[in-house]
Amino acid sequence: MAHEEGPGEDVPTEIEEYLTEFDSSVDAVNAMVKTLVSVSRNELLGKLDPLEQAKLDLMSAYALNSLYWTYLVTQGVNPKEHGVKQELERIRTYMNKVREITDRKKAARLDKEAAARFLRSALWEADEEKVQPESKRKKCS
């Protein structure tokens, strides 16, 4: 963002810093969008599994709605009273569902057969010969 000082334009340093950060953020978003649109959507989705496709779609929808939220703010519209707020909440709900699925896939799986073998070999078992039935013990006493 080129900052040109004209007559009567005194911008506080804090605001100038915010504007500089905002400009660099806009440049980063612009570069990301150019990267995304440089590859055809079908080609991009063809390389991803269904879960990754869902993540990409949700990320795209969330980014677009967030940009629209920012646009509304720049136009003086309160986005909290606009439908974009509900849309962002809906997208967040689906993002949480995808996160749950991802976490479930990452969770450790219990191999029941291996656990049973481990427990069987780890537990002490008395020899059958050394253990006398209850009835024989009473007779010997």
C-alpha atoms as a PDB file:
ATOM      1  CA  MET A   1       0.000   0.000   0.000  1.00  0.00           C
ATOM      2  CA  ALA A   2       1.612   3.217  -1.065  1.00  0.00           C
ATOM      3  CA  HIS A   3       1.186   5.845   1.589  1.00  0.00           C
ATOM      4  CA  GLU A   4       1.181   9.288   0.102  1.00  0.00           C
ATOM      5  CA  GLU A   5       1.106  12.207   2.444  1.00  0.00           C
ATOM      6  CA  GLY A   6      -1.023  14.952   1.030  1.00  0.00           C
ATOM      7  CA  PRO A   7      -1.838  18.308   2.529  1.00  0.00           C
ATOM      8  CA  GLY A   8      -3.755  17.875   5.775  1.00  0.00           C
ATOM      9  CA  GLU A   9      -3.323  14.065   5.892  1.00  0.00           C
ATOM     10  CA  ASP A  10      -1.809  13.215   9.247  1.00  0.00           C
ATOM     11  CA  VAL A  11      -2.327   9.515   9.923  1.00  0.00           C
ATOM     12  CA  PRO A  12      -1.536   8.323  13.452  1.00  0.00           C
ATOM     13  CA  THR A  13       1.322   5.838  13.618  1.00  0.00           C
ATOM     14  CA  GLU A  14      -0.888   3.076  15.108  1.00  0.00           C
ATOM     15  CA  ILE A  15      -3.389   3.332  12.260  1.00  0.00           C
ATOM     16  CA  GLU A  16      -0.595   3.381   9.693  1.00  0.00           C
ATOM     17  CA  GLU A  17       0.790   0.155  11.212  1.00  0.00           C
ATOM     18  CA  TYR A  18      -2.665  -1.480  11.063  1.00  0.00           C
ATOM     19  CA  LEU A  19      -3.077  -0.411   7.451  1.00  0.00           C
ATOM     20  CA  THR A  20       0.349  -1.787   6.562  1.00  0.00           C
ATOM     21  CA  GLU A  21      -0.506  -5.136   8.211  1.00  0.00           C
ATOM     22  CA  PHE A  22      -3.881  -5.156   6.471  1.00  0.00           C
ATOM     23  CA  ASP A  23      -2.219  -4.498   3.112  1.00  0.00           C
ATOM     24  CA  SER A  24       0.224  -7.369   3.593  1.00  0.00           C
ATOM     25  CA  SER A  25      -2.663  -9.648   4.608  1.00  0.00           C
ATOM     26  CA  VAL A  26      -4.593  -8.699   1.477  1.00  0.00           C
ATOM     27  CA  ASP A  27      -1.498  -9.443  -0.607  1.00  0.00           C
ATOM     28  CA  ALA A  28      -1.164 -12.871   1.059  1.00  0.00           C
ATOM     29  CA  VAL A  29      -4.841 -13.677   0.416  1.00  0.00           C
ATOM     30  CA  ASN A  30      -4.474 -12.515  -3.189  1.00  0.00           C
ATOM     31  CA  ALA A  31      -1.448 -14.783  -3.701  1.00  0.00           C
ATOM     32  CA  MET A  32      -3.313 -17.734  -2.176  1.00  0.00           C
ATOM     33  CA  VAL A  33      -6.367 -17.169  -4.369  1.00  0.00           C
ATOM     34  CA  LYS A  34      -4.178 -16.952  -7.482  1.00  0.00           C
ATOM     35  CA  THR A  35      -2.560 -20.246  -6.516  1.00  0.00           C
ATOM     36  CA  LEU A  36      -5.929 -21.937  -5.985  1.00  0.00           C
ATOM     37  CA  VAL A  37      -7.445 -20.735  -9.246  1.00  0.00           C
ATOM     38  CA  SER A  38      -4.335 -21.609 -11.265  1.00  0.00           C
ATOM     39  CA  VAL A  39      -5.233 -25.321 -10.969  1.00  0.00           C
ATOM     40  CA  SER A  40      -8.561 -26.624 -12.222  1.00  0.00           C
ATOM     41  CA  ARG A  41     -10.929 -27.708  -9.470  1.00  0.00           C
ATOM     42  CA  ASN A  42     -11.439 -31.185 -10.957  1.00  0.00           C
ATOM     43  CA  GLU A  43      -7.690 -31.721 -11.183  1.00  0.00           C
ATOM     44  CA  LEU A  44      -7.229 -30.587  -7.590  1.00  0.00           C
ATOM     45  CA  LEU A  45     -10.087 -32.712  -6.229  1.00  0.00           C
ATOM     46  CA  GLY A  46      -8.870 -35.730  -8.196  1.00  0.00           C
ATOM     47  CA  LYS A  47      -5.682 -35.764  -6.127  1.00  0.00           C
ATOM     48  CA  LEU A  48      -7.503 -35.690  -2.771  1.00  0.00           C
ATOM     49  CA  ASP A  49      -9.378 -38.344  -0.823  1.00  0.00           C
ATOM     50  CA  PRO A  50     -13.009 -37.578   0.132  1.00  0.00           C
ATOM     51  CA  LEU A  51     -12.104 -36.292   3.597  1.00  0.00           C
ATOM     52  CA  GLU A  52      -9.483 -33.936   2.175  1.00  0.00           C
ATOM     53  CA  GLN A  53     -12.010 -32.775  -0.448  1.00  0.00           C
ATOM     54  CA  ALA A  54     -14.466 -31.932   2.319  1.00  0.00           C
ATOM     55  CA  LYS A  55     -11.762 -30.006   4.177  1.00  0.00           C
ATOM     56  CA  LEU A  56     -10.908 -28.036   1.030  1.00  0.00           C
ATOM     57  CA  ASP A  57     -14.558 -27.218   0.337  1.00  0.00           C
ATOM     58  CA  LEU A  58     -15.146 -26.116   3.926  1.00  0.00           C
ATOM     59  CA  MET A  59     -11.986 -24.020   3.961  1.00  0.00           C
ATOM     60  CA  SER A  60     -12.994 -22.345   0.713  1.00  0.00           C
ATOM     61  CA  ALA A  61     -16.520 -21.616   1.919  1.00  0.00           C
ATOM     62  CA  TYR A  62     -15.246 -20.291   5.248  1.00  0.00           C
ATOM     63  CA  ALA A  63     -12.652 -18.072   3.568  1.00  0.00           C
ATOM     64  CA  LEU A  64     -15.186 -16.607   1.136  1.00  0.00           C
ATOM     65  CA  ASN A  65     -17.712 -15.918   3.872  1.00  0.00           C
ATOM     66  CA  SER A  66     -14.998 -14.359   6.038  1.00  0.00           C
ATOM     67  CA  LEU A  67     -14.008 -12.084   3.171  1.00  0.00           C
ATOM     68  CA  TYR A  68     -17.666 -11.138   2.723  1.00  0.00           C
ATOM     69  CA  TRP A  69     -17.846 -10.399   6.473  1.00  0.00           C
ATOM     70  CA  THR A  70     -14.872  -8.060   6.037  1.00  0.00           C
ATOM     71  CA  TYR A  71     -16.511  -6.438   3.015  1.00  0.00           C
ATOM     72  CA  LEU A  72     -19.680  -5.789   5.023  1.00  0.00           C
ATOM     73  CA  VAL A  73     -17.620  -4.148   7.771  1.00  0.00           C
ATOM     74  CA  THR A  74     -15.945  -1.856   5.216  1.00  0.00           C
ATOM     75  CA  GLN A  75     -19.372  -0.864   3.934  1.00  0.00           C
ATOM     76  CA  GLY A  76     -20.596   0.063   7.400  1.00  0.00           C
ATOM     77  CA  VAL A  77     -22.944  -2.931   7.711  1.00  0.00           C
ATOM     78  CA  ASN A  78     -22.962  -4.856  10.990  1.00  0.00           C
ATOM     79  CA  PRO A  79     -22.199  -8.445   9.879  1.00  0.00           C
ATOM     80  CA  LYS A  80     -23.528  -9.828  13.188  1.00  0.00           C
ATOM     81  CA  GLU A  81     -27.016  -8.806  12.045  1.00  0.00           C
ATOM     82  CA  HIS A  82     -26.498 -10.234   8.554  1.00  0.00           C
ATOM     83  CA  GLY A  83     -27.085 -13.779   7.266  1.00  0.00           C
ATOM     84  CA  VAL A  84     -23.345 -14.275   6.822  1.00  0.00           C
ATOM     85  CA  LYS A  85     -23.045 -14.879  10.563  1.00  0.00           C
ATOM     86  CA  GLN A  86     -25.365 -17.905  10.433  1.00  0.00           C
ATOM     87  CA  GLU A  87     -23.540 -19.199   7.376  1.00  0.00           C
ATOM     88  CA  LEU A  88     -20.183 -19.002   9.159  1.00  0.00           C
ATOM     89  CA  GLU A  89     -21.659 -20.834  12.154  1.00  0.00           C
ATOM     90  CA  ARG A  90     -23.061 -23.534   9.869  1.00  0.00           C
ATOM     91  CA  ILE A  91     -19.672 -23.992   8.205  1.00  0.00           C
ATOM     92  CA  ARG A  92     -17.959 -24.169  11.613  1.00  0.00           C
ATOM     93  CA  THR A  93     -20.384 -26.927  12.624  1.00  0.00           C
ATOM     94  CA  TYR A  94     -19.378 -28.988   9.599  1.00  0.00           C
ATOM     95  CA  MET A  95     -15.697 -28.235  10.234  1.00  0.00           C
ATOM     96  CA  ASN A  96     -16.098 -29.646  13.744  1.00  0.00           C
ATOM     97  CA  LYS A  97     -17.738 -32.785  12.330  1.00  0.00           C
ATOM     98  CA  VAL A  98     -14.833 -33.276   9.926  1.00  0.00           C
ATOM     99  CA  ARG A  99     -12.388 -32.717  12.807  1.00  0.00           C
ATOM    100  CA  GLU A 100     -14.181 -35.421  14.835  1.00  0.00           C
ATOM    101  CA  ILE A 101     -13.911 -37.855  11.926  1.00  0.00           C
ATOM    102  CA  THR A 102     -10.224 -37.042  11.513  1.00  0.00           C
ATOM    103  CA  ASP A 103      -9.601 -37.504  15.237  1.00  0.00           C
ATOM    104  CA  ARG A 104     -11.422 -40.855  15.193  1.00  0.00           C
ATOM    105  CA  LYS A 105      -9.201 -42.036  12.344  1.00  0.00           C
ATOM    106  CA  LYS A 106      -6.078 -40.998  14.272  1.00  0.00           C
ATOM    107  CA  ALA A 107      -7.213 -42.670  17.505  1.00  0.00           C
ATOM    108  CA  ALA A 108      -5.382 -45.822  18.528  1.00  0.00           C
ATOM    109  CA  ARG A 109      -7.113 -49.036  17.614  1.00  0.00           C
ATOM    110  CA  LEU A 110      -7.247 -51.912  20.084  1.00  0.00           C
ATOM    111  CA  ASP A 111      -6.300 -55.273  18.682  1.00  0.00           C
ATOM    112  CA  LYS A 112      -8.504 -57.457  20.915  1.00  0.00           C
ATOM    113  CA  GLU A 113      -6.805 -60.713  19.987  1.00  0.00           C
ATOM    114  CA  ALA A 114      -3.339 -59.334  20.722  1.00  0.00           C
ATOM    115  CA  ALA A 115      -4.555 -57.870  24.026  1.00  0.00           C
ATOM    116  CA  ALA A 116      -6.058 -61.235  25.026  1.00  0.00           C
ATOM    117  CA  ARG A 117      -2.791 -63.049  24.191  1.00  0.00           C
ATOM    118  CA  PHE A 118      -0.826 -60.464  26.158  1.00  0.00           C
ATOM    119  CA  LEU A 119      -3.058 -60.809  29.206  1.00  0.00           C
ATOM    120  CA  ARG A 120      -3.078 -64.604  28.999  1.00  0.00           C
ATOM    121  CA  SER A 121       0.712 -64.773  28.957  1.00  0.00           C
ATOM    122  CA  ALA A 122       1.146 -62.091  31.613  1.00  0.00           C
ATOM    123  CA  LEU A 123      -1.206 -63.574  34.193  1.00  0.00           C
ATOM    124  CA  TRP A 124       0.055 -66.260  36.528  1.00  0.00           C
ATOM    125  CA  GLU A 125      -1.641 -69.619  36.247  1.00  0.00           C
ATOM    126  CA  ALA A 126      -1.279 -72.297  38.861  1.00  0.00           C
ATOM    127  CA  ASP A 127      -0.230 -75.749  37.711  1.00  0.00           C
ATOM    128  CA  GLU A 128      -3.166 -78.154  37.663  1.00  0.00           C
ATOM    129  CA  GLU A 129      -1.194 -80.845  39.507  1.00  0.00           C
ATOM    130  CA  LYS A 130      -0.343 -78.591  42.455  1.00  0.00           C
ATOM    131  CA  VAL A 131      -3.890 -77.418  42.932  1.00  0.00           C
ATOM    132  CA  GLN A 132      -6.031 -79.912  44.709  1.00  0.00           C
ATOM    133  CA  PRO A 133      -9.769 -79.846  44.360  1.00  0.00           C
ATOM    134  CA  GLU A 134     -11.650 -78.553  47.393  1.00  0.00           C
ATOM    135  CA  SER A 135     -13.083 -81.996  48.176  1.00  0.00           C
ATOM    136  CA  LYS A 136      -9.621 -83.671  48.310  1.00  0.00           C
ATOM    137  CA  ARG A 137      -8.244 -80.996  50.644  1.00  0.00           C
ATOM    138  CA  LYS A 138     -11.044 -81.596  53.156  1.00  0.00           C
ATOM    139  CA  LYS A 139     -10.443 -85.355  53.165  1.00  0.00           C
ATOM    140  CA  CYS A 140      -6.735 -84.919  53.877  1.00  0.00           C
ATOM    141  CA  SER A 141      -7.317 -82.638  56.862  1.00  0.00           C
END
